[in-house]
Amino acid sequence: MNVEEPWSDLAVIRWSQVLFNSFRHWLGRELIERTGGAEQQAKSLYHAPFVVVSHGMEADPILNYGNKIALDVWDLDWERFTRTPSRLTAEPVNQAERARMLARAQEKGFIDDYKGVRITGRGKRFLVQQAIIWNVVGSEGEQLGQAATFSKWTFL
């Protein structure tokens, strides 16, 4: 994988399409304007001016996607980010609230009103506002994970 351009990896290109399709499925609109082919769309998502992250369905879900701005906000590189259990994006004191939020999104398919405190890879806290959390689903409707996007955050 090209660590400078992780969006160019075939698996990431495919996952980007799943993220796009799932977002449209739940919210009835596009996450970004989808122009060009799948590779161009993956590049556009990676360089979008807002955070996009996702995790899989493991017992302790692992982050499997973070666009450039997400990597910058969490102060992690692609390799470290995509090996991080997603629960570690919240401090222990905030993990129960995070679990409730994910369960609410799981039940409804998506939520578009999330606000909560997260923590960077170096321990700096930040407040996320107006986040959208959605279930990532495959072409047959099978659950593949969850994703989030937000453009408002404030370091505390």
C-alpha atoms as a PDB file:
ATOM      1  CA  MET A   1       0.000   0.000   0.000  1.00  0.00           C
ATOM      2  CA  ASN A   2       1.160   3.504  -0.805  1.00  0.00           C
ATOM      3  CA  VAL A   3       1.073   5.154   2.631  1.00  0.00           C
ATOM      4  CA  GLU A   4       1.127   8.606   1.028  1.00  0.00           C
ATOM      5  CA  GLU A   5      -1.908   7.776  -1.124  1.00  0.00           C
ATOM      6  CA  PRO A   6      -3.843   5.048   0.708  1.00  0.00           C
ATOM      7  CA  TRP A   7      -6.932   5.926  -1.324  1.00  0.00           C
ATOM      8  CA  SER A   8      -5.223   4.373  -4.381  1.00  0.00           C
ATOM      9  CA  ASP A   9      -5.213   0.852  -2.879  1.00  0.00           C
ATOM     10  CA  LEU A  10      -7.835  -1.384  -4.533  1.00  0.00           C
ATOM     11  CA  ALA A  11      -9.329  -2.428  -1.177  1.00  0.00           C
ATOM     12  CA  VAL A  12      -9.695   1.232  -0.141  1.00  0.00           C
ATOM     13  CA  ILE A  13     -11.265   2.121  -3.491  1.00  0.00           C
ATOM     14  CA  ARG A  14     -13.803  -0.681  -2.999  1.00  0.00           C
ATOM     15  CA  TRP A  15     -14.482   0.328   0.616  1.00  0.00           C
ATOM     16  CA  SER A  16     -15.001   3.942  -0.461  1.00  0.00           C
ATOM     17  CA  GLN A  17     -17.744   2.757  -2.823  1.00  0.00           C
ATOM     18  CA  VAL A  18     -19.381   0.838   0.031  1.00  0.00           C
ATOM     19  CA  LEU A  19     -19.233   3.971   2.209  1.00  0.00           C
ATOM     20  CA  PHE A  20     -20.809   6.076  -0.573  1.00  0.00           C
ATOM     21  CA  ASN A  21     -23.548   3.544  -1.284  1.00  0.00           C
ATOM     22  CA  SER A  22     -24.368   3.048   2.403  1.00  0.00           C
ATOM     23  CA  PHE A  23     -24.562   6.780   3.039  1.00  0.00           C
ATOM     24  CA  ARG A  24     -26.931   7.209   0.080  1.00  0.00           C
ATOM     25  CA  HIS A  25     -28.983   4.196   1.228  1.00  0.00           C
ATOM     26  CA  TRP A  26     -29.628   5.680   4.677  1.00  0.00           C
ATOM     27  CA  LEU A  27     -29.654   9.413   4.011  1.00  0.00           C
ATOM     28  CA  GLY A  28     -31.024   9.560   0.465  1.00  0.00           C
ATOM     29  CA  ARG A  29     -28.232  11.821  -0.758  1.00  0.00           C
ATOM     30  CA  GLU A  30     -24.584  11.605  -1.709  1.00  0.00           C
ATOM     31  CA  LEU A  31     -21.726  11.996   0.766  1.00  0.00           C
ATOM     32  CA  ILE A  32     -19.777  13.888  -1.919  1.00  0.00           C
ATOM     33  CA  GLU A  33     -20.413  14.596  -5.567  1.00  0.00           C
ATOM     34  CA  ARG A  34     -19.525  11.348  -7.322  1.00  0.00           C
ATOM     35  CA  THR A  35     -17.760  12.278 -10.530  1.00  0.00           C
ATOM     36  CA  GLY A  36     -15.284  10.178 -12.454  1.00  0.00           C
ATOM     37  CA  GLY A  37     -14.606   6.523 -11.795  1.00  0.00           C
ATOM     38  CA  ALA A  38     -14.255   4.680  -8.514  1.00  0.00           C
ATOM     39  CA  GLU A  39     -10.565   5.597  -8.153  1.00  0.00           C
ATOM     40  CA  GLN A  40     -11.247   9.316  -8.630  1.00  0.00           C
ATOM     41  CA  GLN A  41     -14.129   9.109  -6.150  1.00  0.00           C
ATOM     42  CA  ALA A  42     -11.879   7.397  -3.584  1.00  0.00           C
ATOM     43  CA  LYS A  43      -9.294  10.147  -4.047  1.00  0.00           C
ATOM     44  CA  SER A  44     -11.970  12.836  -3.651  1.00  0.00           C
ATOM     45  CA  LEU A  45     -13.263  11.239  -0.462  1.00  0.00           C
ATOM     46  CA  TYR A  46      -9.760  10.957   0.969  1.00  0.00           C
ATOM     47  CA  HIS A  47      -9.151  14.653   0.289  1.00  0.00           C
ATOM     48  CA  ALA A  48     -12.660  15.861   1.261  1.00  0.00           C
ATOM     49  CA  PRO A  49     -12.753  18.950   3.525  1.00  0.00           C
ATOM     50  CA  PHE A  50     -14.531  17.053   6.319  1.00  0.00           C
ATOM     51  CA  VAL A  51     -13.814  13.993   8.447  1.00  0.00           C
ATOM     52  CA  VAL A  52     -14.856  10.509   7.295  1.00  0.00           C
ATOM     53  CA  VAL A  53     -14.016   7.446   9.397  1.00  0.00           C
ATOM     54  CA  SER A  54     -15.285   3.888   9.610  1.00  0.00           C
ATOM     55  CA  HIS A  55     -14.816   0.656  11.494  1.00  0.00           C
ATOM     56  CA  GLY A  56     -15.639  -2.972  10.815  1.00  0.00           C
ATOM     57  CA  MET A  57     -17.713  -5.550  12.657  1.00  0.00           C
ATOM     58  CA  GLU A  58     -15.071  -7.217  14.827  1.00  0.00           C
ATOM     59  CA  ALA A  59     -15.961  -7.984  18.462  1.00  0.00           C
ATOM     60  CA  ASP A  60     -13.821  -4.933  19.296  1.00  0.00           C
ATOM     61  CA  PRO A  61     -14.228  -2.991  16.017  1.00  0.00           C
ATOM     62  CA  ILE A  62     -11.036  -1.733  14.382  1.00  0.00           C
ATOM     63  CA  LEU A  63     -10.912   1.497  12.409  1.00  0.00           C
ATOM     64  CA  ASN A  64     -10.593   0.590   8.738  1.00  0.00           C
ATOM     65  CA  TYR A  65     -10.822   3.983   7.040  1.00  0.00           C
ATOM     66  CA  GLY A  66      -9.883   7.550   7.803  1.00  0.00           C
ATOM     67  CA  ASN A  67      -9.582  10.270   5.206  1.00  0.00           C
ATOM     68  CA  LYS A  68      -6.736  12.794   5.243  1.00  0.00           C
ATOM     69  CA  ILE A  69      -8.459  15.286   7.509  1.00  0.00           C
ATOM     70  CA  ALA A  70      -9.411  12.488   9.949  1.00  0.00           C
ATOM     71  CA  LEU A  71      -5.789  11.346  10.098  1.00  0.00           C
ATOM     72  CA  ASP A  72      -4.759  14.952  10.754  1.00  0.00           C
ATOM     73  CA  VAL A  73      -7.382  15.465  13.478  1.00  0.00           C
ATOM     74  CA  TRP A  74      -6.489  12.202  15.245  1.00  0.00           C
ATOM     75  CA  ASP A  75      -2.778  12.908  14.647  1.00  0.00           C
ATOM     76  CA  LEU A  76      -2.133   9.395  13.323  1.00  0.00           C
ATOM     77  CA  ASP A  77      -0.789   7.969  10.079  1.00  0.00           C
ATOM     78  CA  TRP A  78      -2.822   5.516   7.985  1.00  0.00           C
ATOM     79  CA  GLU A  79      -1.052   2.419   9.330  1.00  0.00           C
ATOM     80  CA  ARG A  80      -1.554   3.300  12.978  1.00  0.00           C
ATOM     81  CA  PHE A  81      -5.087   4.633  12.459  1.00  0.00           C
ATOM     82  CA  THR A  82      -6.265   1.451  10.721  1.00  0.00           C
ATOM     83  CA  ARG A  83      -4.944  -0.737  13.546  1.00  0.00           C
ATOM     84  CA  THR A  84      -6.733   1.240  16.261  1.00  0.00           C
ATOM     85  CA  PRO A  85      -9.788  -0.177  18.037  1.00  0.00           C
ATOM     86  CA  SER A  86     -12.477   2.418  17.415  1.00  0.00           C
ATOM     87  CA  ARG A  87     -13.411   2.525  21.113  1.00  0.00           C
ATOM     88  CA  LEU A  88     -10.034   4.186  21.724  1.00  0.00           C
ATOM     89  CA  THR A  89     -11.220   7.293  19.859  1.00  0.00           C
ATOM     90  CA  ALA A  90     -13.029   8.111  23.110  1.00  0.00           C
ATOM     91  CA  GLU A  91     -11.560   8.310  26.592  1.00  0.00           C
ATOM     92  CA  PRO A  92     -12.767   5.592  28.998  1.00  0.00           C
ATOM     93  CA  VAL A  93     -15.075   8.102  30.705  1.00  0.00           C
ATOM     94  CA  ASN A  94     -16.817   8.730  27.344  1.00  0.00           C
ATOM     95  CA  GLN A  95     -16.913   5.147  26.047  1.00  0.00           C
ATOM     96  CA  ALA A  96     -20.348   4.277  27.492  1.00  0.00           C
ATOM     97  CA  GLU A  97     -21.857   7.349  25.814  1.00  0.00           C
ATOM     98  CA  ARG A  98     -20.103   6.380  22.564  1.00  0.00           C
ATOM     99  CA  ALA A  99     -21.510   2.840  22.794  1.00  0.00           C
ATOM    100  CA  ARG A 100     -25.041   4.240  23.285  1.00  0.00           C
ATOM    101  CA  MET A 101     -24.613   6.481  20.236  1.00  0.00           C
ATOM    102  CA  LEU A 102     -23.447   3.564  18.073  1.00  0.00           C
ATOM    103  CA  ALA A 103     -26.334   1.410  19.297  1.00  0.00           C
ATOM    104  CA  ARG A 104     -28.820   4.171  18.438  1.00  0.00           C
ATOM    105  CA  ALA A 105     -27.336   4.444  14.927  1.00  0.00           C
ATOM    106  CA  GLN A 106     -27.377   0.646  14.625  1.00  0.00           C
ATOM    107  CA  GLU A 107     -31.062   0.543  15.479  1.00  0.00           C
ATOM    108  CA  LYS A 108     -32.180   3.418  13.219  1.00  0.00           C
ATOM    109  CA  GLY A 109     -29.667   2.973  10.385  1.00  0.00           C
ATOM    110  CA  PHE A 110     -28.192   6.422  10.959  1.00  0.00           C
ATOM    111  CA  ILE A 111     -28.241   9.422  13.253  1.00  0.00           C
ATOM    112  CA  ASP A 112     -27.470  12.977  12.214  1.00  0.00           C
ATOM    113  CA  ASP A 113     -27.283  14.809  15.527  1.00  0.00           C
ATOM    114  CA  TYR A 114     -24.285  13.375  17.360  1.00  0.00           C
ATOM    115  CA  LYS A 115     -22.158  15.538  19.652  1.00  0.00           C
ATOM    116  CA  GLY A 116     -19.388  14.140  21.825  1.00  0.00           C
ATOM    117  CA  VAL A 117     -15.806  14.349  23.023  1.00  0.00           C
ATOM    118  CA  ARG A 118     -13.089  12.325  21.297  1.00  0.00           C
ATOM    119  CA  ILE A 119      -9.359  11.951  21.866  1.00  0.00           C
ATOM    120  CA  THR A 120      -6.440  12.056  19.439  1.00  0.00           C
ATOM    121  CA  GLY A 121      -3.682   9.510  19.181  1.00  0.00           C
ATOM    122  CA  ARG A 122      -1.571  11.816  21.348  1.00  0.00           C
ATOM    123  CA  GLY A 123      -4.220  12.313  24.033  1.00  0.00           C
ATOM    124  CA  LYS A 124      -5.620  15.701  23.002  1.00  0.00           C
ATOM    125  CA  ARG A 125      -9.374  16.039  23.512  1.00  0.00           C
ATOM    126  CA  PHE A 126     -11.762  17.534  20.960  1.00  0.00           C
ATOM    127  CA  LEU A 127     -15.502  18.119  20.754  1.00  0.00           C
ATOM    128  CA  VAL A 128     -17.296  16.753  17.691  1.00  0.00           C
ATOM    129  CA  GLN A 129     -20.534  18.462  16.681  1.00  0.00           C
ATOM    130  CA  GLN A 130     -23.278  17.673  14.172  1.00  0.00           C
ATOM    131  CA  ALA A 131     -21.808  14.299  13.261  1.00  0.00           C
ATOM    132  CA  ILE A 132     -23.632  11.820  11.071  1.00  0.00           C
ATOM    133  CA  ILE A 133     -23.171   8.167  12.022  1.00  0.00           C
ATOM    134  CA  TRP A 134     -24.453   5.484   9.650  1.00  0.00           C
ATOM    135  CA  ASN A 135     -24.442   1.731   9.282  1.00  0.00           C
ATOM    136  CA  VAL A 136     -22.204   0.486   6.500  1.00  0.00           C
ATOM    137  CA  VAL A 137     -24.041  -2.189   4.542  1.00  0.00           C
ATOM    138  CA  GLY A 138     -23.176  -4.418   1.617  1.00  0.00           C
ATOM    139  CA  SER A 139     -25.110  -4.858  -1.613  1.00  0.00           C
ATOM    140  CA  GLU A 140     -27.361  -7.466   0.038  1.00  0.00           C
ATOM    141  CA  GLY A 141     -28.023  -5.245   3.068  1.00  0.00           C
ATOM    142  CA  GLU A 142     -25.592  -7.123   5.295  1.00  0.00           C
ATOM    143  CA  GLN A 143     -23.993  -5.110   8.093  1.00  0.00           C
ATOM    144  CA  LEU A 144     -20.298  -4.424   7.398  1.00  0.00           C
ATOM    145  CA  GLY A 145     -19.563  -1.758  10.005  1.00  0.00           C
ATOM    146  CA  GLN A 146     -20.350   1.823  10.874  1.00  0.00           C
ATOM    147  CA  ALA A 147     -19.044   5.142   9.624  1.00  0.00           C
ATOM    148  CA  ALA A 148     -19.090   8.764  10.695  1.00  0.00           C
ATOM    149  CA  THR A 149     -18.621  12.147   9.125  1.00  0.00           C
ATOM    150  CA  PHE A 150     -18.388  15.608  10.617  1.00  0.00           C
ATOM    151  CA  SER A 151     -17.020  18.994   9.708  1.00  0.00           C
ATOM    152  CA  LYS A 152     -17.248  20.715  13.090  1.00  0.00           C
ATOM    153  CA  TRP A 153     -14.806  20.000  15.868  1.00  0.00           C
ATOM    154  CA  THR A 154     -13.089  22.080  18.520  1.00  0.00           C
ATOM    155  CA  PHE A 155      -9.944  21.135  20.387  1.00  0.00           C
ATOM    156  CA  LEU A 156     -10.449  21.460  24.141  1.00  0.00           C
END
